[in-house]
Amino acid sequence: MTDARVRPRAGCCGRCDTCLVQLTVLIVDDHEGFRQMARALLEAEGIEVVGEAADGESAITEAERLRPQLVLLDVQLPDIDGFEVAARLGEASDPPAVVLTSSHAASSYRRRLAQSPARAFIPKGELSGEALAALLA
């Protein structure tokens, strides 16, 4: 990234008003179409998508390898669910922030969300780079 300032909060770490540190994200979802859409949306807002994973085991492997600041994690995955992935990621010495996402409303997962180490939940229809960056503030 060049020395140019980015819009406040958009695409950056969310910890300052004019930030030069780009937010890095790993997208985890079993639907390739959603991964493509999320990547395009986030990259258009200045966020660096460092990788993608289609299942829980791959998510854990890629998070360890890529060390993103944030993992955007689908709740429903084909092998282990997003809540279990979030718990495993939270065991790392320097865990990434985890934001769970689903096409279902947060109310569908209320009890599990309250017990999860995930930083937040965002419905897929409300995903934006600004929303993710604000969750890291």
N, C-alpha and C. Protein backbone atom coordinates (compact mmCIF):
# COMPACT_ATOMS: atom_id res chain seq x y z
N MET A 1 0.85 -1.18 0.00
CA MET A 1 0.00 0.00 0.00
C MET A 1 0.89 1.23 0.00
N THR A 2 0.52 2.22 -0.77
CA THR A 2 1.31 3.43 -0.84
C THR A 2 1.09 4.27 0.41
N ASP A 3 1.73 5.42 0.44
CA ASP A 3 1.65 6.28 1.61
C ASP A 3 0.38 7.14 1.62
N ALA A 4 -0.52 6.91 0.69
CA ALA A 4 -1.76 7.69 0.64
C ALA A 4 -2.68 7.27 1.77
N ARG A 5 -3.39 8.23 2.29
CA ARG A 5 -4.34 7.94 3.37
C ARG A 5 -5.62 7.36 2.77
N VAL A 6 -6.24 6.47 3.53
CA VAL A 6 -7.52 5.90 3.09
C VAL A 6 -8.64 6.61 3.81
N ARG A 7 -9.85 6.42 3.30
CA ARG A 7 -11.00 7.00 3.98
C ARG A 7 -11.03 6.51 5.42
N PRO A 8 -11.42 7.37 6.36
CA PRO A 8 -11.49 6.93 7.75
C PRO A 8 -12.28 5.64 7.89
N ARG A 9 -11.68 4.70 8.56
CA ARG A 9 -12.26 3.40 8.90
C ARG A 9 -12.41 2.45 7.72
N ALA A 10 -12.71 2.92 6.53
CA ALA A 10 -12.92 2.01 5.42
C ALA A 10 -11.61 1.38 4.99
N GLY A 11 -11.54 0.07 4.99
CA GLY A 11 -10.38 -0.64 4.51
C GLY A 11 -9.19 -0.64 5.42
N CYS A 12 -9.31 -0.04 6.57
CA CYS A 12 -8.15 -0.01 7.46
C CYS A 12 -8.46 -0.74 8.75
N CYS A 13 -7.56 -0.63 9.68
CA CYS A 13 -7.68 -1.42 10.90
C CYS A 13 -8.82 -0.95 11.80
N GLY A 14 -9.33 0.25 11.58
CA GLY A 14 -10.44 0.74 12.39
C GLY A 14 -10.01 1.31 13.72
N ARG A 15 -8.71 1.41 13.94
CA ARG A 15 -8.22 1.88 15.23
C ARG A 15 -7.83 3.35 15.24
N CYS A 16 -7.94 4.01 14.10
CA CYS A 16 -7.55 5.42 14.04
C CYS A 16 -8.41 6.13 12.99
N ASP A 17 -8.33 7.46 12.96
CA ASP A 17 -9.14 8.22 12.03
C ASP A 17 -8.62 8.19 10.60
N THR A 18 -7.31 8.30 10.43
CA THR A 18 -6.72 8.22 9.10
C THR A 18 -5.62 7.17 9.18
N CYS A 19 -5.93 6.04 8.67
CA CYS A 19 -5.12 4.85 8.91
C CYS A 19 -4.34 4.46 7.67
N LEU A 20 -3.09 4.04 7.86
CA LEU A 20 -2.28 3.56 6.77
C LEU A 20 -2.11 2.04 6.80
N VAL A 21 -2.69 1.37 7.79
CA VAL A 21 -2.60 -0.07 7.91
C VAL A 21 -3.84 -0.69 7.30
N GLN A 22 -3.64 -1.47 6.26
CA GLN A 22 -4.77 -2.07 5.56
C GLN A 22 -5.29 -3.29 6.32
N LEU A 23 -6.60 -3.39 6.41
CA LEU A 23 -7.25 -4.53 7.05
C LEU A 23 -7.11 -5.75 6.15
N THR A 24 -6.69 -6.89 6.74
CA THR A 24 -6.57 -8.13 5.99
C THR A 24 -7.66 -9.10 6.44
N VAL A 25 -8.28 -9.77 5.47
CA VAL A 25 -9.43 -10.62 5.74
C VAL A 25 -9.30 -11.96 5.03
N LEU A 26 -9.70 -13.02 5.74
CA LEU A 26 -9.87 -14.35 5.17
C LEU A 26 -11.37 -14.59 5.10
N ILE A 27 -11.88 -14.94 3.92
CA ILE A 27 -13.31 -15.21 3.72
C ILE A 27 -13.54 -16.71 3.75
N VAL A 28 -14.45 -17.15 4.62
CA VAL A 28 -14.76 -18.58 4.74
C VAL A 28 -16.25 -18.79 4.48
N ASP A 29 -16.55 -19.48 3.39
CA ASP A 29 -17.94 -19.78 3.04
C ASP A 29 -17.93 -20.93 2.05
N ASP A 30 -18.88 -21.83 2.17
CA ASP A 30 -18.92 -22.98 1.25
C ASP A 30 -19.53 -22.63 -0.11
N HIS A 31 -20.10 -21.45 -0.25
CA HIS A 31 -20.66 -21.03 -1.53
C HIS A 31 -19.68 -20.11 -2.25
N GLU A 32 -19.16 -20.60 -3.37
CA GLU A 32 -18.17 -19.84 -4.12
C GLU A 32 -18.71 -18.49 -4.56
N GLY A 33 -19.99 -18.44 -4.93
CA GLY A 33 -20.59 -17.18 -5.36
C GLY A 33 -20.54 -16.12 -4.27
N PHE A 34 -20.80 -16.52 -3.02
CA PHE A 34 -20.72 -15.55 -1.93
C PHE A 34 -19.27 -15.10 -1.72
N ARG A 35 -18.33 -16.04 -1.78
CA ARG A 35 -16.92 -15.67 -1.60
C ARG A 35 -16.49 -14.66 -2.66
N GLN A 36 -16.90 -14.89 -3.90
CA GLN A 36 -16.56 -13.96 -4.99
C GLN A 36 -17.19 -12.59 -4.76
N MET A 37 -18.46 -12.57 -4.38
CA MET A 37 -19.15 -11.31 -4.14
C MET A 37 -18.53 -10.56 -2.97
N ALA A 38 -18.24 -11.28 -1.88
CA ALA A 38 -17.66 -10.64 -0.70
C ALA A 38 -16.27 -10.10 -1.02
N ARG A 39 -15.47 -10.87 -1.76
CA ARG A 39 -14.13 -10.40 -2.15
C ARG A 39 -14.22 -9.11 -2.96
N ALA A 40 -15.09 -9.10 -3.97
CA ALA A 40 -15.23 -7.91 -4.82
C ALA A 40 -15.68 -6.71 -4.00
N LEU A 41 -16.65 -6.91 -3.14
CA LEU A 41 -17.18 -5.83 -2.31
C LEU A 41 -16.10 -5.27 -1.38
N LEU A 42 -15.40 -6.15 -0.68
CA LEU A 42 -14.40 -5.71 0.29
C LEU A 42 -13.19 -5.08 -0.40
N GLU A 43 -12.72 -5.68 -1.48
CA GLU A 43 -11.58 -5.10 -2.19
C GLU A 43 -11.92 -3.73 -2.78
N ALA A 44 -13.16 -3.55 -3.23
CA ALA A 44 -13.59 -2.25 -3.76
C ALA A 44 -13.55 -1.18 -2.67
N GLU A 45 -13.64 -1.61 -1.41
CA GLU A 45 -13.60 -0.67 -0.28
C GLU A 45 -12.21 -0.58 0.34
N GLY A 46 -11.21 -1.14 -0.32
CA GLY A 46 -9.84 -0.98 0.13
C GLY A 46 -9.36 -2.02 1.12
N ILE A 47 -10.11 -3.10 1.29
CA ILE A 47 -9.71 -4.15 2.22
C ILE A 47 -8.95 -5.22 1.44
N GLU A 48 -7.88 -5.72 2.03
CA GLU A 48 -7.09 -6.76 1.37
C GLU A 48 -7.62 -8.13 1.77
N VAL A 49 -8.18 -8.84 0.81
CA VAL A 49 -8.62 -10.21 1.04
C VAL A 49 -7.41 -11.11 0.77
N VAL A 50 -6.89 -11.72 1.83
CA VAL A 50 -5.66 -12.50 1.72
C VAL A 50 -5.91 -13.95 1.34
N GLY A 51 -7.16 -14.40 1.43
CA GLY A 51 -7.46 -15.78 1.07
C GLY A 51 -8.91 -16.12 1.25
N GLU A 52 -9.22 -17.35 0.82
CA GLU A 52 -10.58 -17.88 0.92
C GLU A 52 -10.49 -19.33 1.35
N ALA A 53 -11.54 -19.81 1.99
CA ALA A 53 -11.65 -21.22 2.36
C ALA A 53 -13.11 -21.62 2.21
N ALA A 54 -13.33 -22.89 1.84
CA ALA A 54 -14.68 -23.38 1.59
C ALA A 54 -15.22 -24.26 2.70
N ASP A 55 -14.39 -24.57 3.70
CA ASP A 55 -14.86 -25.41 4.81
C ASP A 55 -14.08 -25.07 6.08
N GLY A 56 -14.51 -25.64 7.18
CA GLY A 56 -13.93 -25.30 8.47
C GLY A 56 -12.48 -25.70 8.63
N GLU A 57 -12.12 -26.91 8.23
CA GLU A 57 -10.73 -27.36 8.36
C GLU A 57 -9.80 -26.49 7.53
N SER A 58 -10.20 -26.17 6.30
CA SER A 58 -9.40 -25.29 5.45
C SER A 58 -9.29 -23.90 6.07
N ALA A 59 -10.35 -23.44 6.70
CA ALA A 59 -10.34 -22.12 7.34
C ALA A 59 -9.27 -22.06 8.42
N ILE A 60 -9.19 -23.10 9.24
CA ILE A 60 -8.21 -23.13 10.32
C ILE A 60 -6.79 -23.15 9.74
N THR A 61 -6.58 -23.99 8.73
CA THR A 61 -5.27 -24.08 8.09
C THR A 61 -4.87 -22.75 7.46
N GLU A 62 -5.80 -22.14 6.72
CA GLU A 62 -5.49 -20.88 6.04
C GLU A 62 -5.29 -19.73 7.03
N ALA A 63 -6.05 -19.71 8.10
CA ALA A 63 -5.87 -18.66 9.11
C ALA A 63 -4.49 -18.76 9.75
N GLU A 64 -4.03 -19.98 10.02
CA GLU A 64 -2.70 -20.16 10.59
C GLU A 64 -1.62 -19.75 9.60
N ARG A 65 -1.81 -20.06 8.32
CA ARG A 65 -0.82 -19.78 7.29
C ARG A 65 -0.79 -18.29 6.92
N LEU A 66 -1.96 -17.68 6.75
CA LEU A 66 -2.06 -16.31 6.23
C LEU A 66 -2.05 -15.24 7.31
N ARG A 67 -2.45 -15.60 8.53
CA ARG A 67 -2.50 -14.69 9.67
C ARG A 67 -3.27 -13.40 9.39
N PRO A 68 -4.53 -13.51 8.94
CA PRO A 68 -5.33 -12.30 8.69
C PRO A 68 -5.71 -11.62 10.00
N GLN A 69 -6.02 -10.35 9.91
CA GLN A 69 -6.51 -9.63 11.09
C GLN A 69 -7.93 -10.07 11.42
N LEU A 70 -8.69 -10.42 10.38
CA LEU A 70 -10.09 -10.75 10.57
C LEU A 70 -10.47 -11.96 9.71
N VAL A 71 -11.28 -12.84 10.26
CA VAL A 71 -11.83 -13.96 9.52
C VAL A 71 -13.34 -13.75 9.43
N LEU A 72 -13.83 -13.61 8.19
CA LEU A 72 -15.26 -13.52 7.94
C LEU A 72 -15.73 -14.96 7.74
N LEU A 73 -16.52 -15.47 8.67
CA LEU A 73 -16.76 -16.90 8.80
C LEU A 73 -18.24 -17.25 8.74
N ASP A 74 -18.61 -18.02 7.72
CA ASP A 74 -19.99 -18.49 7.60
C ASP A 74 -20.31 -19.44 8.75
N VAL A 75 -21.51 -19.35 9.27
CA VAL A 75 -21.93 -20.22 10.37
C VAL A 75 -22.09 -21.65 9.90
N GLN A 76 -22.70 -21.85 8.73
CA GLN A 76 -23.01 -23.19 8.26
C GLN A 76 -21.99 -23.63 7.21
N LEU A 77 -21.12 -24.56 7.61
CA LEU A 77 -20.09 -25.09 6.72
C LEU A 77 -20.29 -26.60 6.60
N PRO A 78 -19.75 -27.22 5.55
CA PRO A 78 -20.03 -28.63 5.32
C PRO A 78 -19.36 -29.61 6.29
N ASP A 79 -18.27 -29.23 6.94
CA ASP A 79 -17.61 -30.17 7.83
C ASP A 79 -17.83 -29.80 9.30
N ILE A 80 -17.19 -28.78 9.77
CA ILE A 80 -17.42 -28.30 11.13
C ILE A 80 -18.04 -26.91 11.04
N ASP A 81 -18.95 -26.60 11.93
CA ASP A 81 -19.66 -25.33 11.79
C ASP A 81 -18.79 -24.13 12.22
N GLY A 82 -19.25 -22.96 11.85
CA GLY A 82 -18.51 -21.74 12.12
C GLY A 82 -18.25 -21.49 13.60
N PHE A 83 -19.15 -21.92 14.46
CA PHE A 83 -18.95 -21.72 15.89
C PHE A 83 -17.75 -22.53 16.38
N GLU A 84 -17.61 -23.75 15.90
CA GLU A 84 -16.47 -24.59 16.28
C GLU A 84 -15.18 -24.02 15.70
N VAL A 85 -15.22 -23.55 14.46
CA VAL A 85 -14.05 -22.94 13.85
C VAL A 85 -13.62 -21.72 14.66
N ALA A 86 -14.58 -20.88 15.04
CA ALA A 86 -14.28 -19.69 15.84
C ALA A 86 -13.62 -20.08 17.16
N ALA A 87 -14.12 -21.12 17.79
CA ALA A 87 -13.54 -21.59 19.05
C ALA A 87 -12.09 -22.05 18.86
N ARG A 88 -11.85 -22.79 17.79
CA ARG A 88 -10.49 -23.27 17.52
C ARG A 88 -9.55 -22.13 17.18
N LEU A 89 -10.02 -21.18 16.38
CA LEU A 89 -9.19 -20.02 16.05
C LEU A 89 -8.86 -19.20 17.30
N GLY A 90 -9.81 -19.16 18.23
CA GLY A 90 -9.61 -18.40 19.46
C GLY A 90 -8.57 -19.00 20.38
N GLU A 91 -8.16 -20.23 20.13
CA GLU A 91 -7.14 -20.88 20.95
C GLU A 91 -5.71 -20.50 20.54
N ALA A 92 -5.55 -19.82 19.40
CA ALA A 92 -4.22 -19.43 18.93
C ALA A 92 -3.61 -18.40 19.88
N SER A 93 -2.28 -18.30 19.85
CA SER A 93 -1.61 -17.34 20.73
C SER A 93 -1.94 -15.90 20.35
N ASP A 94 -2.13 -15.63 19.07
CA ASP A 94 -2.52 -14.30 18.60
C ASP A 94 -3.68 -14.49 17.62
N PRO A 95 -4.87 -14.76 18.15
CA PRO A 95 -5.99 -15.12 17.27
C PRO A 95 -6.50 -13.94 16.45
N PRO A 96 -7.01 -14.24 15.26
CA PRO A 96 -7.64 -13.18 14.47
C PRO A 96 -9.00 -12.84 15.06
N ALA A 97 -9.47 -11.66 14.75
CA ALA A 97 -10.85 -11.33 15.08
C ALA A 97 -11.73 -12.18 14.17
N VAL A 98 -12.83 -12.68 14.70
CA VAL A 98 -13.75 -13.49 13.91
C VAL A 98 -15.10 -12.79 13.88
N VAL A 99 -15.62 -12.67 12.67
CA VAL A 99 -16.97 -12.15 12.48
C VAL A 99 -17.76 -13.25 11.79
N LEU A 100 -18.77 -13.74 12.48
CA LEU A 100 -19.63 -14.77 11.91
C LEU A 100 -20.66 -14.13 10.99
N THR A 101 -21.04 -14.87 9.96
CA THR A 101 -22.03 -14.37 9.02
C THR A 101 -22.95 -15.50 8.59
N SER A 102 -24.14 -15.14 8.17
CA SER A 102 -25.12 -16.13 7.71
C SER A 102 -26.20 -15.41 6.91
N SER A 103 -26.89 -16.19 6.10
CA SER A 103 -28.05 -15.63 5.41
C SER A 103 -29.26 -15.61 6.35
N HIS A 104 -29.13 -16.28 7.51
CA HIS A 104 -30.17 -16.26 8.53
C HIS A 104 -29.92 -15.12 9.51
N ALA A 105 -30.95 -14.67 10.18
CA ALA A 105 -30.83 -13.58 11.15
C ALA A 105 -30.08 -14.02 12.39
N ALA A 106 -29.48 -13.06 13.08
CA ALA A 106 -28.75 -13.34 14.31
C ALA A 106 -29.65 -14.02 15.34
N SER A 107 -30.93 -13.71 15.32
CA SER A 107 -31.84 -14.30 16.30
C SER A 107 -31.89 -15.83 16.18
N SER A 108 -31.55 -16.37 15.02
CA SER A 108 -31.53 -17.81 14.83
C SER A 108 -30.41 -18.48 15.63
N TYR A 109 -29.41 -17.68 16.01
CA TYR A 109 -28.23 -18.22 16.69
C TYR A 109 -27.97 -17.55 18.04
N ARG A 110 -28.94 -16.87 18.58
CA ARG A 110 -28.76 -16.01 19.75
C ARG A 110 -27.94 -16.67 20.86
N ARG A 111 -28.33 -17.86 21.31
CA ARG A 111 -27.64 -18.50 22.43
C ARG A 111 -26.20 -18.86 22.07
N ARG A 112 -26.01 -19.41 20.88
CA ARG A 112 -24.66 -19.79 20.47
C ARG A 112 -23.77 -18.58 20.25
N LEU A 113 -24.33 -17.49 19.75
CA LEU A 113 -23.55 -16.26 19.58
C LEU A 113 -23.08 -15.72 20.93
N ALA A 114 -23.94 -15.79 21.91
CA ALA A 114 -23.58 -15.29 23.25
C ALA A 114 -22.42 -16.07 23.85
N GLN A 115 -22.29 -17.33 23.48
CA GLN A 115 -21.24 -18.18 24.03
C GLN A 115 -19.99 -18.23 23.14
N SER A 116 -20.04 -17.65 21.98
CA SER A 116 -18.97 -17.73 21.00
C SER A 116 -17.86 -16.71 21.28
N PRO A 117 -16.62 -17.07 20.97
CA PRO A 117 -15.52 -16.10 21.07
C PRO A 117 -15.49 -15.13 19.90
N ALA A 118 -16.40 -15.29 18.95
CA ALA A 118 -16.44 -14.38 17.79
C ALA A 118 -16.70 -12.95 18.25
N ARG A 119 -16.11 -12.02 17.56
CA ARG A 119 -16.25 -10.61 17.91
C ARG A 119 -17.65 -10.10 17.61
N ALA A 120 -18.26 -10.62 16.52
CA ALA A 120 -19.57 -10.10 16.13
C ALA A 120 -20.22 -11.04 15.11
N PHE A 121 -21.44 -10.70 14.77
CA PHE A 121 -22.21 -11.38 13.73
C PHE A 121 -22.71 -10.31 12.79
N ILE A 122 -22.62 -10.59 11.50
CA ILE A 122 -23.18 -9.67 10.51
C ILE A 122 -23.96 -10.50 9.47
N PRO A 123 -25.22 -10.15 9.25
CA PRO A 123 -25.97 -10.86 8.20
C PRO A 123 -25.31 -10.64 6.84
N LYS A 124 -25.34 -11.64 6.00
CA LYS A 124 -24.68 -11.52 4.69
C LYS A 124 -25.18 -10.32 3.90
N GLY A 125 -26.46 -10.01 4.02
CA GLY A 125 -27.02 -8.88 3.28
C GLY A 125 -26.55 -7.52 3.76
N GLU A 126 -25.89 -7.47 4.93
CA GLU A 126 -25.42 -6.20 5.49
C GLU A 126 -23.91 -6.06 5.43
N LEU A 127 -23.24 -6.99 4.76
CA LEU A 127 -21.79 -6.98 4.70
C LEU A 127 -21.26 -5.74 3.98
N SER A 128 -20.28 -5.10 4.59
CA SER A 128 -19.56 -3.99 3.96
C SER A 128 -18.19 -3.88 4.63
N GLY A 129 -17.26 -3.28 3.92
CA GLY A 129 -15.94 -3.06 4.50
C GLY A 129 -16.01 -2.13 5.69
N GLU A 130 -16.82 -1.13 5.61
CA GLU A 130 -16.96 -0.18 6.72
C GLU A 130 -17.49 -0.87 7.96
N ALA A 131 -18.46 -1.78 7.78
CA ALA A 131 -19.02 -2.50 8.92
C ALA A 131 -17.96 -3.39 9.57
N LEU A 132 -17.15 -4.07 8.77
CA LEU A 132 -16.09 -4.92 9.32
C LEU A 132 -15.04 -4.10 10.05
N ALA A 133 -14.60 -3.02 9.44
CA ALA A 133 -13.59 -2.17 10.07
C ALA A 133 -14.11 -1.59 11.39
N ALA A 134 -15.38 -1.23 11.44
CA ALA A 134 -15.95 -0.68 12.67
C ALA A 134 -15.95 -1.72 13.78
N LEU A 135 -16.07 -2.99 13.44
CA LEU A 135 -16.07 -4.04 14.46
C LEU A 135 -14.70 -4.21 15.10
N LEU A 136 -13.65 -3.74 14.45
CA LEU A 136 -12.30 -3.83 15.00
C LEU A 136 -11.92 -2.60 15.81
N ALA A 137 -12.76 -1.58 15.75
CA ALA A 137 -12.45 -0.32 16.45
C ALA A 137 -12.44 -0.50 17.96
